[in-house]
N, C-alpha and C. Protein backbone atom coordinates (compact mmCIF):
# COMPACT_ATOMS: atom_id res chain seq x y z
N MET A 1 -86.65 244.49 -125.30
CA MET A 1 -86.34 243.60 -126.41
C MET A 1 -84.89 243.85 -126.85
N LYS A 2 -84.15 242.79 -126.99
CA LYS A 2 -82.75 242.88 -127.36
C LYS A 2 -82.60 243.18 -128.84
N ARG A 3 -81.67 244.06 -129.16
CA ARG A 3 -81.41 244.40 -130.56
C ARG A 3 -80.60 243.29 -131.21
N LYS A 4 -80.92 242.98 -132.47
CA LYS A 4 -80.23 241.91 -133.19
C LYS A 4 -79.61 242.44 -134.47
N PHE A 5 -78.40 241.94 -134.75
CA PHE A 5 -77.64 242.35 -135.91
C PHE A 5 -77.04 241.12 -136.58
N THR A 6 -76.66 241.25 -137.86
CA THR A 6 -76.01 240.17 -138.58
C THR A 6 -74.82 240.73 -139.34
N LEU A 7 -73.69 240.01 -139.23
CA LEU A 7 -72.51 240.34 -140.01
C LEU A 7 -72.40 239.29 -141.11
N ARG A 8 -72.51 239.74 -142.37
CA ARG A 8 -72.45 238.82 -143.51
C ARG A 8 -71.77 239.49 -144.68
N PHE A 9 -71.33 238.67 -145.64
CA PHE A 9 -70.67 239.20 -146.82
C PHE A 9 -71.72 239.65 -147.82
N ASP A 10 -71.56 240.88 -148.33
CA ASP A 10 -72.46 241.43 -149.33
C ASP A 10 -71.74 241.40 -150.68
N ILE A 11 -72.19 240.53 -151.57
CA ILE A 11 -71.53 240.34 -152.86
C ILE A 11 -71.55 241.62 -153.68
N SER A 12 -72.66 242.33 -153.68
CA SER A 12 -72.77 243.55 -154.51
C SER A 12 -71.81 244.65 -154.05
N LYS A 13 -71.48 244.67 -152.77
CA LYS A 13 -70.57 245.68 -152.24
C LYS A 13 -69.14 245.15 -152.08
N SER A 14 -68.97 243.84 -152.19
CA SER A 14 -67.68 243.17 -151.97
C SER A 14 -67.09 243.53 -150.61
N LYS A 15 -67.96 243.61 -149.61
CA LYS A 15 -67.55 243.94 -148.25
C LYS A 15 -68.39 243.14 -147.25
N TRP A 16 -67.88 243.05 -146.02
CA TRP A 16 -68.63 242.47 -144.92
C TRP A 16 -69.48 243.57 -144.32
N VAL A 17 -70.78 243.30 -144.15
CA VAL A 17 -71.74 244.32 -143.74
C VAL A 17 -72.39 243.91 -142.42
N LEU A 18 -72.42 244.84 -141.48
CA LEU A 18 -73.13 244.64 -140.22
C LEU A 18 -74.45 245.39 -140.34
N LYS A 19 -75.56 244.62 -140.31
CA LYS A 19 -76.90 245.21 -140.49
C LYS A 19 -77.76 244.95 -139.26
N HIS A 20 -78.63 245.91 -138.98
CA HIS A 20 -79.66 245.74 -137.95
C HIS A 20 -80.72 244.83 -138.56
N ASP A 21 -81.06 243.74 -137.88
CA ASP A 21 -81.99 242.76 -138.44
C ASP A 21 -83.40 243.30 -138.68
N ASP A 22 -83.89 244.15 -137.80
CA ASP A 22 -85.26 244.64 -137.94
C ASP A 22 -85.40 245.71 -139.02
N THR A 23 -84.43 246.61 -139.10
CA THR A 23 -84.54 247.74 -140.03
C THR A 23 -83.78 247.52 -141.34
N GLU A 24 -82.89 246.51 -141.37
CA GLU A 24 -82.03 246.26 -142.52
C GLU A 24 -81.05 247.41 -142.78
N LYS A 25 -80.94 248.32 -141.82
CA LYS A 25 -80.02 249.45 -141.95
C LYS A 25 -78.58 248.98 -141.75
N ILE A 26 -77.68 249.43 -142.62
CA ILE A 26 -76.27 249.09 -142.49
C ILE A 26 -75.67 249.93 -141.37
N VAL A 27 -75.06 249.25 -140.40
CA VAL A 27 -74.44 249.92 -139.27
C VAL A 27 -72.98 250.24 -139.59
N ARG A 28 -72.26 249.25 -140.14
CA ARG A 28 -70.86 249.43 -140.52
C ARG A 28 -70.52 248.47 -141.65
N MET A 29 -69.47 248.79 -142.42
CA MET A 29 -68.96 247.90 -143.46
C MET A 29 -67.48 247.68 -143.20
N PHE A 30 -67.00 246.47 -143.53
CA PHE A 30 -65.62 246.08 -143.27
C PHE A 30 -65.03 245.40 -144.49
N LYS A 31 -63.72 245.50 -144.65
CA LYS A 31 -63.03 244.84 -145.76
C LYS A 31 -62.94 243.33 -145.55
N THR A 32 -62.74 242.91 -144.28
CA THR A 32 -62.59 241.48 -143.99
C THR A 32 -63.51 241.08 -142.84
N LYS A 33 -63.80 239.80 -142.76
CA LYS A 33 -64.61 239.29 -141.66
C LYS A 33 -63.85 239.42 -140.35
N GLU A 34 -62.54 239.20 -140.40
CA GLU A 34 -61.73 239.30 -139.19
C GLU A 34 -61.81 240.71 -138.60
N GLU A 35 -61.76 241.72 -139.47
CA GLU A 35 -61.86 243.11 -139.01
C GLU A 35 -63.24 243.35 -138.39
N GLY A 36 -64.27 242.89 -139.05
CA GLY A 36 -65.64 243.13 -138.60
C GLY A 36 -66.05 242.33 -137.39
N SER A 37 -65.37 241.24 -137.10
CA SER A 37 -65.79 240.39 -135.99
C SER A 37 -64.96 240.59 -134.72
N ARG A 38 -64.06 241.56 -134.72
CA ARG A 38 -63.33 241.86 -133.48
C ARG A 38 -64.30 242.37 -132.43
N ALA A 39 -64.17 241.84 -131.23
CA ALA A 39 -65.10 242.19 -130.15
C ALA A 39 -65.17 243.69 -129.91
N GLY A 40 -64.03 244.37 -129.90
CA GLY A 40 -64.02 245.81 -129.65
C GLY A 40 -64.74 246.59 -130.73
N ILE A 41 -64.56 246.17 -131.96
CA ILE A 41 -65.23 246.84 -133.10
C ILE A 41 -66.74 246.64 -133.01
N LEU A 42 -67.17 245.40 -132.73
CA LEU A 42 -68.61 245.13 -132.63
C LEU A 42 -69.23 245.87 -131.46
N ARG A 43 -68.54 245.86 -130.32
CA ARG A 43 -69.06 246.55 -129.13
C ARG A 43 -69.24 248.05 -129.43
N LYS A 44 -68.26 248.64 -130.11
CA LYS A 44 -68.34 250.06 -130.45
C LYS A 44 -69.48 250.32 -131.45
N ALA A 45 -69.64 249.44 -132.44
CA ALA A 45 -70.69 249.61 -133.45
C ALA A 45 -72.09 249.49 -132.83
N LEU A 46 -72.25 248.61 -131.83
CA LEU A 46 -73.55 248.42 -131.20
C LEU A 46 -73.85 249.51 -130.17
N GLY A 47 -72.83 250.17 -129.67
CA GLY A 47 -73.01 251.25 -128.72
C GLY A 47 -73.41 250.77 -127.34
N GLN A 48 -73.84 251.70 -126.52
CA GLN A 48 -74.16 251.40 -125.12
C GLN A 48 -75.35 250.48 -124.94
N MET A 49 -76.23 250.41 -125.94
CA MET A 49 -77.42 249.57 -125.82
C MET A 49 -77.10 248.09 -126.03
N GLY A 50 -75.93 247.79 -126.60
CA GLY A 50 -75.55 246.39 -126.80
C GLY A 50 -76.45 245.69 -127.79
N GLY A 51 -76.40 244.36 -127.77
CA GLY A 51 -77.25 243.57 -128.65
C GLY A 51 -76.61 242.24 -128.98
N THR A 52 -77.25 241.51 -129.86
CA THR A 52 -76.79 240.20 -130.29
C THR A 52 -76.33 240.30 -131.74
N VAL A 53 -75.17 239.72 -132.04
CA VAL A 53 -74.65 239.72 -133.40
C VAL A 53 -74.50 238.28 -133.87
N VAL A 54 -75.11 237.96 -135.00
CA VAL A 54 -74.95 236.66 -135.65
C VAL A 54 -73.90 236.83 -136.74
N LEU A 55 -72.87 236.00 -136.70
CA LEU A 55 -71.83 236.03 -137.72
C LEU A 55 -72.10 234.89 -138.70
N ARG A 56 -72.02 235.19 -139.98
CA ARG A 56 -72.24 234.19 -141.02
C ARG A 56 -70.95 234.00 -141.81
N THR A 57 -70.83 232.84 -142.45
CA THR A 57 -69.68 232.57 -143.31
C THR A 57 -69.88 233.34 -144.62
N LYS A 58 -68.87 233.34 -145.46
CA LYS A 58 -68.97 234.04 -146.74
C LYS A 58 -70.09 233.46 -147.60
N ARG A 59 -70.39 232.18 -147.41
CA ARG A 59 -71.47 231.53 -148.16
C ARG A 59 -72.84 231.73 -147.51
N GLY A 60 -72.89 232.41 -146.36
CA GLY A 60 -74.16 232.72 -145.72
C GLY A 60 -74.60 231.76 -144.64
N VAL A 61 -73.77 230.76 -144.32
CA VAL A 61 -74.12 229.76 -143.31
C VAL A 61 -73.81 230.32 -141.91
N PHE A 62 -74.67 230.00 -140.94
CA PHE A 62 -74.46 230.43 -139.56
C PHE A 62 -73.08 229.99 -139.09
N ASP A 63 -72.35 230.92 -138.46
CA ASP A 63 -71.02 230.63 -137.93
C ASP A 63 -71.03 230.68 -136.40
N GLU A 64 -71.44 231.81 -135.84
CA GLU A 64 -71.53 231.94 -134.39
C GLU A 64 -72.40 233.12 -134.01
N GLU A 65 -72.74 233.19 -132.72
CA GLU A 65 -73.55 234.28 -132.20
C GLU A 65 -72.83 234.87 -131.00
N ARG A 66 -72.78 236.20 -130.94
CA ARG A 66 -72.14 236.89 -129.82
C ARG A 66 -73.13 237.86 -129.20
N ILE A 67 -73.10 237.92 -127.87
CA ILE A 67 -74.01 238.79 -127.13
C ILE A 67 -73.18 239.86 -126.42
N PHE A 68 -73.59 241.11 -126.61
CA PHE A 68 -72.93 242.23 -125.98
C PHE A 68 -73.94 242.90 -125.04
N PRO A 69 -73.67 242.81 -123.73
CA PRO A 69 -74.64 243.38 -122.77
C PRO A 69 -74.70 244.89 -122.86
N GLN A 70 -75.82 245.40 -122.40
CA GLN A 70 -76.02 246.85 -122.35
C GLN A 70 -75.04 247.41 -121.33
N LEU A 71 -74.35 248.48 -121.72
CA LEU A 71 -73.40 249.12 -120.81
C LEU A 71 -74.15 250.05 -119.87
N ARG A 72 -73.82 249.99 -118.63
CA ARG A 72 -74.44 250.86 -117.64
C ARG A 72 -73.47 251.98 -117.33
N GLY A 73 -73.94 253.18 -117.36
CA GLY A 73 -73.04 254.29 -117.16
C GLY A 73 -73.55 255.23 -116.20
């Protein structure tokens, strides 16, 4: 089963938050959406297992989905 994450703006924290969808655990927080949505940053945050990241707008509307394959080592 592929791991799923969401990058969205958290009003209470005034930051962009990358959360695991199943556990609601915060993986990373970012000052800007641009910082949080860089492919290298997301790939590093998801680790070798990879996963799917849904990016939302500041208002919470779906923006795009990115898939990071599992790294084989």
